[in-house]
Amino acid sequence: MNSLKFSALQDRKPVKINVRGEDICVTRIGDEVFAIGDVCTHSDASLSEGDVTDFKIECWLHGAEFDLRTGEALTLPANIPAKTYQVNIVDDVVEVQVN
């Protein structure tokens, strides 16, 4: 498990963290935080460099979109979902759990 400050996260500005060797894209939307595998399932591009709209993140390289809540690949060229991670917020600390 890795942690960071909730107050340090900017709304809809994804950041990349590494937990136990896994790159994870963490995104705050309002009072919620989502964690998804940082690597696009289509092209190995970093999702944390993409744009967030609604509850979707768009891969900067080819435009594939993923649902931040479920990891579902929403648009081509991606057709494989991204892994999602459980997030807990305790006293301004964001905890991302990796099993």
Protein backbone atom coordinates (compact mmCIF):
# COMPACT_ATOMS: atom_id res chain seq x y z
CA MET A 1 0.00 0.00 0.00
CA ASN A 2 1.23 3.51 -0.81
CA SER A 3 -0.13 6.86 0.37
CA LEU A 4 -0.16 10.53 -0.59
CA LYS A 5 -1.97 13.67 0.56
CA PHE A 6 -5.54 14.21 -0.66
CA SER A 7 -5.03 17.98 -0.37
CA ALA A 8 -2.02 17.73 -2.72
CA LEU A 9 -4.10 16.24 -5.55
CA GLN A 10 -5.50 18.75 -8.02
CA ASP A 11 -8.98 18.06 -9.36
CA ARG A 12 -8.86 16.08 -12.65
CA LYS A 13 -5.04 16.23 -12.79
CA PRO A 14 -3.77 12.64 -12.76
CA VAL A 15 -0.51 11.69 -11.06
CA LYS A 16 1.61 8.59 -11.36
CA ILE A 17 2.74 6.69 -8.29
CA ASN A 18 4.52 3.38 -7.90
CA VAL A 19 3.35 0.81 -5.39
CA ARG A 20 5.30 -2.44 -5.04
CA GLY A 21 6.60 -2.12 -8.59
CA GLU A 22 3.20 -1.28 -10.13
CA ASP A 23 2.72 2.08 -11.83
CA ILE A 24 -0.67 3.50 -10.85
CA CYS A 25 -2.53 6.56 -12.12
CA VAL A 26 -4.32 8.39 -9.27
CA THR A 27 -6.97 11.00 -10.07
CA ARG A 28 -9.09 13.19 -7.83
CA ILE A 29 -12.58 14.15 -8.97
CA GLY A 30 -14.21 16.38 -6.39
CA ASP A 31 -14.14 14.53 -3.08
CA GLU A 32 -13.43 11.14 -4.69
CA VAL A 33 -10.12 9.58 -5.69
CA PHE A 34 -9.68 6.84 -8.28
CA ALA A 35 -6.71 4.59 -8.98
CA ILE A 36 -6.19 2.76 -12.26
CA GLY A 37 -3.23 1.00 -13.83
CA ASP A 38 -1.04 3.69 -15.37
CA VAL A 39 -0.32 1.79 -18.59
CA CYS A 40 -2.76 1.97 -21.49
CA THR A 41 -3.79 -1.56 -22.41
CA HIS A 42 -3.46 -0.71 -26.10
CA SER A 43 -0.04 0.91 -26.38
CA ASP A 44 1.94 0.94 -23.12
CA ALA A 45 1.55 4.74 -22.87
CA SER A 46 1.26 6.38 -19.45
CA LEU A 47 -2.37 7.19 -18.64
CA SER A 48 -1.29 9.74 -16.03
CA GLU A 49 -0.22 11.96 -18.94
CA GLY A 50 -3.78 11.91 -20.33
CA ASP A 51 -6.80 14.15 -19.88
CA VAL A 52 -9.67 13.51 -17.47
CA THR A 53 -13.28 14.39 -18.33
CA ASP A 54 -16.27 13.21 -16.33
CA PHE A 55 -15.13 9.84 -14.95
CA LYS A 56 -12.98 8.99 -17.98
CA ILE A 57 -9.28 9.25 -18.68
CA GLU A 58 -8.03 9.52 -22.26
CA CYS A 59 -4.71 8.05 -23.33
CA TRP A 60 -2.61 10.84 -24.80
CA LEU A 61 -1.09 8.63 -27.49
CA HIS A 62 -4.03 7.18 -29.44
CA GLY A 63 -7.11 8.57 -27.67
CA ALA A 64 -8.42 5.39 -26.03
CA GLU A 65 -10.66 6.18 -23.05
CA PHE A 66 -11.04 4.25 -19.81
CA ASP A 67 -13.67 4.50 -17.06
CA LEU A 68 -11.83 5.51 -13.89
CA ARG A 69 -14.41 3.73 -11.72
CA THR A 70 -14.29 0.32 -13.42
CA GLY A 71 -11.25 0.32 -15.71
CA GLU A 72 -13.51 -0.51 -18.67
CA ALA A 73 -12.06 0.37 -22.08
CA LEU A 74 -14.67 2.76 -23.50
CA THR A 75 -13.24 3.55 -26.92
CA LEU A 76 -10.98 1.97 -29.48
CA PRO A 77 -8.20 1.31 -30.06
CA ALA A 78 -8.20 -0.13 -26.52
CA ASN A 79 -10.47 -3.12 -25.95
CA ILE A 80 -8.93 -4.58 -22.78
CA PRO A 81 -9.86 -3.02 -19.41
CA ALA A 82 -7.26 -1.42 -17.17
CA LYS A 83 -6.77 -2.69 -13.63
CA THR A 84 -8.39 -0.64 -10.87
CA TYR A 85 -7.36 -0.34 -7.22
CA GLN A 86 -9.25 0.27 -4.00
CA VAL A 87 -8.70 3.73 -2.53
CA ASN A 88 -9.30 4.87 1.05
CA ILE A 89 -9.00 8.43 2.34
CA VAL A 90 -8.14 8.77 6.03
CA ASP A 91 -7.28 12.16 7.55
CA ASP A 92 -6.09 13.69 4.25
CA VAL A 93 -4.06 10.58 3.38
CA VAL A 94 -4.93 8.70 0.18
CA GLU A 95 -4.23 5.00 0.53
CA VAL A 96 -4.03 2.90 -2.64
CA GLN A 97 -4.22 -0.81 -1.95
CA VAL A 98 -2.31 -3.27 -4.08
CA ASN A 99 -2.94 -6.99 -3.53
